[in-house]
Amino acid sequence: MERVLDGIRVLDFSRFVAAPYCGLLLADMGAEVIRVESPGGNFDRKLGPFAPNNESLPFSMIVPRNKKGITLKLRSEKGKEIFKELVKNTDIILHNFTSGSMEAKILNYESLKEINPGIILVSVTGFGATGINSHLPCFDSTAQALSGGMIFNGFPDTQPTRSAVAYVDICTGVYAAYGASLAIQHRLKTGEGQVVDISLLDVASTFISTMGVAAEYQVLDHVRPQIGNSSYYNYTDSFEARDGWLMISVITNSIWYRFLAVIGREDLKGDSRFRDDMARFDNRDVLNPYVSKWMKERTVDEVISVLGKARVPCGKVNSIPEMVHDQKNSDRDMIIDLEYPGVGKVPVPGVVTKMSKTPGRIDRLAARVGEHNDEIYCDLLGLTTEELEGYKSEGIV
């Protein structure tokens, strides 16, 4: 079945998570994404956790799934010549080299568009392609810290707390794929390529400002404190049942009234301390003992059943094994098992965006180092087998 990005070719020079995740999203929707590594493989393949065959699970099997793989010594003169030929046959260049690095200079847009005027350059960096910090490295945790998110994450009186989920990396990849898609649409209209400049800190900071945290400070002169698993300005929290933990979100008065009926506390319906979301947030310490007592008298399944029937948002706090085997994920094909030789089944993320006419899909395992050198260099660029072997012996590919 046709996919919306069929016919689009991407050279993916990126490492780690954010930019490679962008490539993953484009590949799911049909783009031919070619992972370009240094001869011998990128250094992110040396980062754990490792499969029984000593290959990196995230960087050799999960994030690169659905991509082809070639090797190229980009800094070499011959490597630069081969790269120019690849650019002529490419739609998108994706990388996450910092500004000022040798690779970023080679992959600069002004040079690329002289080779291919329609080329789209997607640059993913920590601090953007311009600015005083553009040359500095940055990872997800750095962006979380600089954005202010760590200050109000966690429980009261604990140290600043990082989210263990690399949400900045993942969402930066999503924004990069979004930008690439917009650039493709623009090129369809005008024939012009352009630069898509995505920054980890930009993404992290926009999350904080979107949630009103910056406005809360500047307009209300209030700095958001740590409040654990509670939600700000409504009644949301985690509670312990007889055999596990749950998260509930009792937001809006209609849900609040249904919740009171379920827990047998309709006497609180007219209590002014709980008249609206803000009041319930302010008085959550008064409410929590009532709710906690009711939860502890029941199992997780009992709570979910009765709250579900009342249409009160709730969910079990799953362990990782429970999450992996949760039917809600399998129903939506959100965890896909790929069979890797010597390893067995490796769960990888499924296709998030569900398209009714042009659905994405997973076609291939992550490529081994240089697995598609023959296909790309010989079939696409027209090199002979002897020429390719010569480049291999020279360490060019």
Protein backbone atom coordinates (compact mmCIF):
# COMPACT_ATOMS: atom_id res chain seq x y z
CA MET A 1 0.00 0.00 0.00
CA GLU A 2 1.26 3.47 -0.90
CA ARG A 3 2.74 5.63 1.84
CA VAL A 4 2.75 9.40 1.83
CA LEU A 5 6.56 9.78 1.72
CA ASP A 6 7.22 7.11 -0.90
CA GLY A 7 9.91 8.40 -3.28
CA ILE A 8 11.59 10.68 -0.72
CA ARG A 9 15.23 9.83 0.02
CA VAL A 10 16.91 10.90 3.27
CA LEU A 11 20.61 10.74 4.13
CA ASP A 12 20.68 10.41 7.91
CA PHE A 13 24.07 11.36 9.41
CA SER A 14 22.71 11.59 12.95
CA ARG A 15 23.57 9.75 16.16
CA PHE A 16 21.94 9.10 19.53
CA VAL A 17 18.15 9.73 19.82
CA ALA A 18 16.59 13.03 18.71
CA ALA A 19 17.58 13.27 15.03
CA PRO A 20 17.61 9.48 14.47
CA TYR A 21 14.04 9.40 15.81
CA CYS A 22 13.14 11.97 13.15
CA GLY A 23 14.55 9.60 10.54
CA LEU A 24 12.56 6.73 12.04
CA LEU A 25 9.31 8.69 11.71
CA LEU A 26 10.04 9.60 8.09
CA ALA A 27 10.94 5.99 7.26
CA ASP A 28 7.69 4.72 8.78
CA MET A 29 5.80 6.87 6.30
CA GLY A 30 7.68 5.61 3.26
CA ALA A 31 10.84 7.68 2.99
CA GLU A 32 13.99 5.76 2.03
CA VAL A 33 16.10 6.71 5.03
CA ILE A 34 19.77 5.79 4.66
CA ARG A 35 21.78 5.81 7.89
CA VAL A 36 25.29 7.05 7.08
CA GLU A 37 27.93 5.88 9.54
CA SER A 38 31.69 6.09 9.75
CA PRO A 39 33.48 2.98 8.48
CA GLY A 40 33.22 0.44 11.29
CA GLY A 41 30.02 1.99 12.64
CA ASN A 42 29.00 5.03 14.69
CA PHE A 43 30.08 5.31 18.32
CA ASP A 44 26.47 5.27 19.55
CA ARG A 45 26.50 1.55 18.75
CA LYS A 46 28.77 1.23 21.80
CA LEU A 47 26.10 2.57 24.17
CA GLY A 48 23.98 0.19 26.24
CA PRO A 49 21.88 -1.66 27.05
CA PHE A 50 23.35 -4.51 25.03
CA ALA A 51 21.72 -7.58 23.52
CA PRO A 52 23.22 -11.06 24.11
CA ASN A 53 25.25 -10.61 20.91
CA ASN A 54 26.81 -7.44 22.44
CA GLU A 55 25.03 -5.09 20.03
CA SER A 56 23.32 -1.98 21.37
CA LEU A 57 19.59 -2.55 21.71
CA PRO A 58 18.55 1.11 21.27
CA PHE A 59 21.18 2.25 18.76
CA SER A 60 21.72 -0.89 16.68
CA MET A 61 18.20 -2.36 16.68
CA ILE A 62 15.46 -0.02 17.88
CA VAL A 63 15.97 3.59 16.78
CA PRO A 64 17.50 2.65 13.37
CA ARG A 65 14.74 0.20 12.45
CA ASN A 66 13.22 0.70 9.00
CA LYS A 67 16.41 2.37 7.71
CA LYS A 68 19.07 1.25 5.26
CA GLY A 69 22.73 1.58 6.21
CA ILE A 70 25.92 2.67 4.48
CA THR A 71 29.34 3.79 5.62
CA LEU A 72 31.31 6.84 4.49
CA LYS A 73 34.38 8.67 5.77
CA LEU A 74 32.88 12.11 5.26
CA ARG A 75 36.00 14.06 6.22
CA SER A 76 38.18 12.48 3.53
CA GLU A 77 38.54 14.12 0.14
CA LYS A 78 37.26 11.07 -1.70
CA GLY A 79 34.44 10.79 0.87
CA LYS A 80 33.42 14.37 0.09
CA GLU A 81 33.32 13.57 -3.63
CA ILE A 82 31.11 10.54 -3.06
CA PHE A 83 28.92 12.61 -0.74
CA LYS A 84 28.32 15.19 -3.48
CA GLU A 85 27.09 12.44 -5.78
CA LEU A 86 24.74 11.22 -3.06
CA VAL A 87 23.39 14.75 -2.55
CA LYS A 88 22.42 14.92 -6.23
CA ASN A 89 20.15 11.93 -5.63
CA THR A 90 18.76 12.97 -2.24
CA ASP A 91 15.82 15.01 -0.99
CA ILE A 92 16.71 15.52 2.68
CA ILE A 93 19.97 15.68 4.63
CA LEU A 94 19.48 14.99 8.34
CA HIS A 95 22.23 15.54 10.91
CA ASN A 96 22.88 16.60 14.50
CA PHE A 97 26.44 17.94 14.33
CA THR A 98 27.09 21.10 16.33
CA SER A 99 27.72 24.36 14.50
CA GLY A 100 31.40 24.82 13.71
CA SER A 101 32.24 21.12 13.59
CA MET A 102 33.97 19.79 10.50
CA GLU A 103 30.91 17.72 9.58
CA ALA A 104 28.53 20.66 9.98
CA LYS A 105 30.75 22.72 7.67
CA ILE A 106 30.60 19.98 5.03
CA LEU A 107 26.83 19.67 5.48
CA ASN A 108 26.11 23.42 5.31
CA TYR A 109 23.08 24.44 3.28
CA GLU A 110 24.80 26.96 1.01
CA SER A 111 27.13 24.28 -0.31
CA LEU A 112 24.40 21.66 -0.54
CA LYS A 113 22.00 23.78 -2.58
CA GLU A 114 24.72 24.45 -5.16
CA ILE A 115 24.76 20.70 -5.76
CA ASN A 116 21.00 20.21 -5.46
CA PRO A 117 18.82 23.38 -5.37
CA GLY A 118 15.86 21.42 -4.00
CA ILE A 119 17.75 19.90 -1.07
CA ILE A 120 16.22 20.15 2.40
CA LEU A 121 18.63 20.30 5.33
CA VAL A 122 17.27 19.21 8.71
CA SER A 123 19.69 20.28 11.43
CA VAL A 124 19.04 19.07 14.98
CA THR A 125 21.27 20.60 17.65
CA GLY A 126 21.21 21.42 21.33
CA PHE A 127 21.06 25.20 21.01
CA GLY A 128 20.20 25.85 17.38
CA ALA A 129 22.29 26.46 14.29
CA THR A 130 22.83 30.11 15.31
CA GLY A 131 23.48 31.91 18.58
CA ILE A 132 26.28 32.13 21.15
CA ASN A 133 25.88 28.52 22.30
CA SER A 134 25.42 26.94 18.88
CA HIS A 135 28.84 25.29 19.06
CA LEU A 136 28.20 23.56 22.39
CA PRO A 137 27.06 19.94 22.79
CA CYS A 138 23.76 19.22 24.53
CA PHE A 139 21.80 16.15 25.53
CA ASP A 140 18.22 15.63 26.69
CA SER A 141 19.12 16.01 30.37
CA THR A 142 20.93 19.30 29.70
CA ALA A 143 17.87 20.71 27.94
CA GLN A 144 15.59 19.52 30.76
CA ALA A 145 17.80 21.36 33.25
CA LEU A 146 18.08 24.61 31.28
CA SER A 147 14.35 24.73 30.51
CA GLY A 148 13.46 24.90 34.22
CA GLY A 149 11.52 21.65 34.06
CA MET A 150 13.70 19.92 36.64
CA ILE A 151 13.03 22.56 39.29
CA PHE A 152 9.33 21.77 39.75
CA ASN A 153 9.55 18.06 38.89
CA GLY A 154 9.65 15.63 41.81
CA PHE A 155 8.36 15.67 45.37
CA PRO A 156 8.63 18.58 47.83
CA ASP A 157 12.07 19.16 49.37
CA THR A 158 13.85 16.78 46.98
CA GLN A 159 16.67 17.81 44.68
CA PRO A 160 15.81 18.98 41.15
CA THR A 161 14.53 15.91 39.33
CA ARG A 162 15.08 14.86 35.73
CA SER A 163 12.44 12.89 33.89
CA ALA A 164 13.85 9.42 33.23
CA VAL A 165 11.98 9.43 29.92
CA ALA A 166 14.02 11.38 27.35
CA TYR A 167 10.99 13.40 26.33
CA VAL A 168 13.03 16.30 24.94
CA ASP A 169 14.95 13.99 22.61
CA ILE A 170 11.84 12.19 21.40
CA CYS A 171 9.78 15.34 20.90
CA THR A 172 12.68 17.09 19.18
CA GLY A 173 12.65 14.21 16.71
CA VAL A 174 8.92 14.73 16.22
CA TYR A 175 9.39 18.47 15.57
CA ALA A 176 12.20 17.71 13.13
CA ALA A 177 9.99 15.28 11.19
CA TYR A 178 7.21 17.87 11.24
CA GLY A 179 9.59 20.50 9.88
CA ALA A 180 10.85 18.14 7.20
CA SER A 181 7.27 17.42 6.13
CA LEU A 182 6.49 21.13 5.91
CA ALA A 183 9.64 21.71 3.86
CA ILE A 184 8.60 18.93 1.46
CA GLN A 185 5.21 20.58 1.05
CA HIS A 186 6.87 23.94 0.37
CA ARG A 187 9.14 22.36 -2.23
CA LEU A 188 6.15 20.81 -3.98
CA LYS A 189 4.76 24.33 -4.39
CA THR A 190 7.95 26.21 -5.27
CA GLY A 191 10.71 23.74 -6.11
CA GLU A 192 12.83 25.31 -3.39
CA GLY A 193 14.64 23.55 -0.61
CA GLN A 194 15.35 25.14 2.77
CA VAL A 195 16.87 24.66 6.23
CA VAL A 196 14.89 23.14 9.09
CA ASP A 197 16.65 24.26 12.29
CA ILE A 198 15.51 22.36 15.41
CA SER A 199 16.97 22.85 18.89
CA LEU A 200 16.60 20.63 21.96
CA LEU A 201 16.45 23.68 24.24
CA ASP A 202 13.82 25.35 22.02
CA VAL A 203 11.65 22.25 22.33
CA ALA A 204 12.16 21.88 26.08
CA SER A 205 11.46 25.56 26.74
CA THR A 206 8.33 25.64 24.62
CA PHE A 207 6.88 22.79 26.71
CA ILE A 208 7.43 24.82 29.87
CA SER A 209 5.94 28.00 28.43
CA THR A 210 2.99 26.15 26.86
CA MET A 211 2.02 24.82 30.30
CA GLY A 212 1.86 28.42 31.56
CA VAL A 213 4.87 28.12 33.85
CA ALA A 214 6.67 31.15 32.40
CA ALA A 215 3.47 33.23 32.41
CA GLU A 216 2.75 32.06 35.96
CA TYR A 217 6.05 33.58 37.02
CA GLN A 218 5.99 36.77 34.96
CA VAL A 219 2.30 37.64 35.25
CA LEU A 220 1.47 36.22 38.68
CA ASP A 221 4.91 36.46 40.31
CA HIS A 222 4.63 32.80 41.31
CA VAL A 223 7.33 30.15 40.88
CA ARG A 224 5.84 26.68 40.53
CA PRO A 225 6.86 24.35 43.41
CA GLN A 226 7.41 20.60 43.51
CA ILE A 227 4.18 18.75 44.30
CA GLY A 228 4.99 15.13 43.50
CA ASN A 229 2.39 13.24 41.48
CA SER A 230 -0.30 15.85 41.97
CA SER A 231 -1.30 17.98 39.02
CA TYR A 232 -1.31 21.75 39.14
CA TYR A 233 -4.66 23.49 39.61
CA ASN A 234 -6.87 20.40 39.57
CA TYR A 235 -7.31 17.20 41.54
CA THR A 236 -4.98 14.58 40.06
CA ASP A 237 -2.75 12.23 42.03
CA SER A 238 -1.53 8.67 42.52
CA PHE A 239 -2.99 6.40 45.18
CA GLU A 240 -2.16 2.97 46.55
CA ALA A 241 -4.77 0.22 46.26
CA ARG A 242 -4.57 -3.17 47.94
CA ASP A 243 -2.34 -4.65 45.25
CA GLY A 244 -0.77 -1.75 43.39
CA TRP A 245 -0.88 1.94 42.48
CA LEU A 246 -3.25 3.99 40.35
CA MET A 247 -3.39 7.45 38.87
CA ILE A 248 -6.67 9.36 38.84
CA SER A 249 -7.59 12.67 37.21
CA VAL A 250 -10.75 14.22 38.65
CA ILE A 251 -10.97 17.34 36.48
CA THR A 252 -14.12 19.48 35.97
CA ASN A 253 -17.16 19.47 38.23
CA SER A 254 -19.03 16.85 36.22
CA ILE A 255 -16.27 14.28 36.74
CA TRP A 256 -15.97 15.39 40.36
CA TYR A 257 -19.65 14.68 41.03
CA ARG A 258 -19.42 11.25 39.40
CA PHE A 259 -16.33 10.49 41.44
CA LEU A 260 -18.05 11.44 44.71
CA ALA A 261 -20.95 9.11 43.89
CA VAL A 262 -18.54 6.23 43.29
CA ILE A 263 -16.60 6.66 46.53
CA GLY A 264 -19.75 7.29 48.57
CA ARG A 265 -18.94 10.85 49.57
CA GLU A 266 -21.72 12.85 47.97
CA ASP A 267 -21.87 14.76 51.23
CA LEU A 268 -18.85 16.71 49.92
CA LYS A 269 -20.75 17.90 46.86
CA GLY A 270 -21.81 21.16 48.47
CA ASP A 271 -18.57 21.74 50.39
CA SER A 272 -17.17 25.10 49.33
CA ARG A 273 -13.62 23.83 49.86
CA PHE A 274 -14.12 21.60 46.82
CA ARG A 275 -16.35 23.81 44.69
CA ASP A 276 -14.11 23.81 41.59
CA ASP A 277 -10.81 22.51 40.24
CA MET A 278 -8.73 25.26 41.85
CA ALA A 279 -10.38 24.79 45.24
CA ARG A 280 -9.86 21.04 45.08
CA PHE A 281 -6.21 21.61 44.21
CA ASP A 282 -5.76 24.01 47.11
CA ASN A 283 -7.43 21.56 49.50
CA ARG A 284 -6.01 18.33 48.11
CA ASP A 285 -4.41 17.51 51.49
CA VAL A 286 -7.92 17.49 52.99
CA LEU A 287 -9.28 15.27 50.20
CA ASN A 288 -6.43 12.78 50.01
CA PRO A 289 -7.22 10.88 53.24
CA TYR A 290 -10.81 10.22 52.07
CA VAL A 291 -9.67 8.99 48.68
CA SER A 292 -6.72 7.05 50.05
CA LYS A 293 -8.91 5.13 52.49
CA TRP A 294 -11.36 4.19 49.74
CA MET A 295 -8.53 3.06 47.42
CA LYS A 296 -6.78 0.90 50.00
CA GLU A 297 -9.92 -1.12 50.61
CA ARG A 298 -10.02 -2.27 46.96
CA THR A 299 -7.83 -3.94 44.37
CA VAL A 300 -6.52 -2.10 41.34
CA ASP A 301 -8.91 -3.97 39.04
CA GLU A 302 -11.88 -3.14 41.26
CA VAL A 303 -11.01 0.55 41.27
CA ILE A 304 -10.46 0.66 37.51
CA SER A 305 -13.74 -1.18 36.89
CA VAL A 306 -15.92 1.06 39.01
CA LEU A 307 -14.22 4.34 37.99
CA GLY A 308 -14.27 3.29 34.35
CA LYS A 309 -18.01 2.69 34.45
CA ALA A 310 -18.41 6.16 35.96
CA ARG A 311 -16.15 7.64 33.25
CA VAL A 312 -13.59 8.92 35.73
CA PRO A 313 -10.12 8.95 34.11
CA CYS A 314 -7.85 6.47 35.85
CA GLY A 315 -5.06 4.06 35.09
CA LYS A 316 -2.88 1.49 36.74
CA VAL A 317 0.74 2.44 37.39
CA ASN A 318 2.23 -0.36 35.33
CA SER A 319 5.56 -2.02 35.84
CA ILE A 320 7.67 -2.32 32.70
CA PRO A 321 6.70 -6.00 32.20
CA GLU A 322 3.04 -5.05 32.62
CA MET A 323 3.41 -2.24 30.10
CA VAL A 324 5.05 -4.56 27.56
CA HIS A 325 2.21 -7.08 27.84
CA ASP A 326 -0.62 -4.55 28.19
CA GLN A 327 -3.38 -5.34 25.69
CA LYS A 328 -3.96 -1.63 25.10
CA ASN A 329 -0.53 -1.50 23.42
CA SER A 330 -1.00 -4.69 21.42
CA ASP A 331 -4.46 -3.62 20.25
CA ARG A 332 -2.89 -0.57 18.62
CA ASP A 333 0.31 -2.30 17.45
CA MET A 334 2.40 0.06 19.53
CA ILE A 335 4.98 -2.55 20.46
CA ILE A 336 6.20 -4.63 17.53
CA ASP A 337 8.49 -7.63 17.95
CA LEU A 338 11.25 -7.80 15.35
CA GLU A 339 13.24 -11.03 15.07
CA TYR A 340 16.99 -10.33 15.13
CA PRO A 341 19.40 -13.17 14.31
CA GLY A 342 21.26 -14.31 17.40
CA VAL A 343 19.05 -12.22 19.68
CA GLY A 344 15.45 -13.24 19.18
CA LYS A 345 12.42 -10.99 19.41
CA VAL A 346 13.23 -7.34 20.15
CA PRO A 347 10.26 -5.07 20.96
CA VAL A 348 10.43 -1.82 19.00
CA PRO A 349 8.00 1.11 18.92
CA GLY A 350 5.14 0.79 16.47
CA VAL A 351 3.85 3.48 14.14
CA VAL A 352 2.21 6.20 16.22
CA THR A 353 0.41 8.17 13.52
CA LYS A 354 -2.46 6.11 12.16
CA MET A 355 -3.31 7.04 8.55
CA SER A 356 -6.49 5.65 6.98
CA LYS A 357 -5.41 6.01 3.33
CA THR A 358 -1.59 5.90 3.51
CA PRO A 359 -0.69 4.04 6.71
CA GLY A 360 2.90 3.77 7.85
CA ARG A 361 4.55 0.43 8.45
CA ILE A 362 7.76 -1.26 9.52
CA ASP A 363 9.42 -3.00 6.58
CA ARG A 364 12.90 -3.82 7.71
CA LEU A 365 15.21 -4.56 10.61
CA ALA A 366 17.81 -1.96 11.51
CA ALA A 367 20.69 -2.25 9.08
CA ARG A 368 24.01 -3.77 10.03
CA VAL A 369 27.06 -1.54 9.58
CA GLY A 370 27.39 -0.86 5.85
CA GLU A 371 24.74 -3.44 4.96
CA HIS A 372 23.50 -1.48 1.94
CA ASN A 373 26.81 -0.18 0.60
CA ASP A 374 26.54 -2.27 -2.57
CA GLU A 375 22.93 -1.21 -3.23
CA ILE A 376 23.49 2.52 -2.72
CA TYR A 377 26.97 2.95 -4.17
CA CYS A 378 26.67 0.52 -7.09
CA ASP A 379 22.98 0.58 -7.98
CA LEU A 380 22.31 4.27 -7.19
CA LEU A 381 25.64 5.95 -7.96
CA GLY A 382 26.85 3.48 -10.57
CA LEU A 383 30.15 2.49 -8.98
CA THR A 384 31.63 -0.81 -10.09
CA THR A 385 32.21 -3.62 -7.62
CA GLU A 386 35.96 -3.13 -8.07
CA GLU A 387 35.71 0.61 -7.32
CA LEU A 388 33.67 -0.05 -4.20
CA GLU A 389 36.15 -2.68 -3.01
CA GLY A 390 38.92 -0.19 -3.55
CA TYR A 391 37.14 2.41 -1.41
CA LYS A 392 36.61 -0.20 1.29
CA SER A 393 40.30 -1.08 1.34
CA GLU A 394 41.17 2.63 1.64
CA GLY A 395 38.76 3.06 4.57
CA ILE A 396 36.57 5.48 2.62
CA VAL A 397 33.43 3.34 3.04
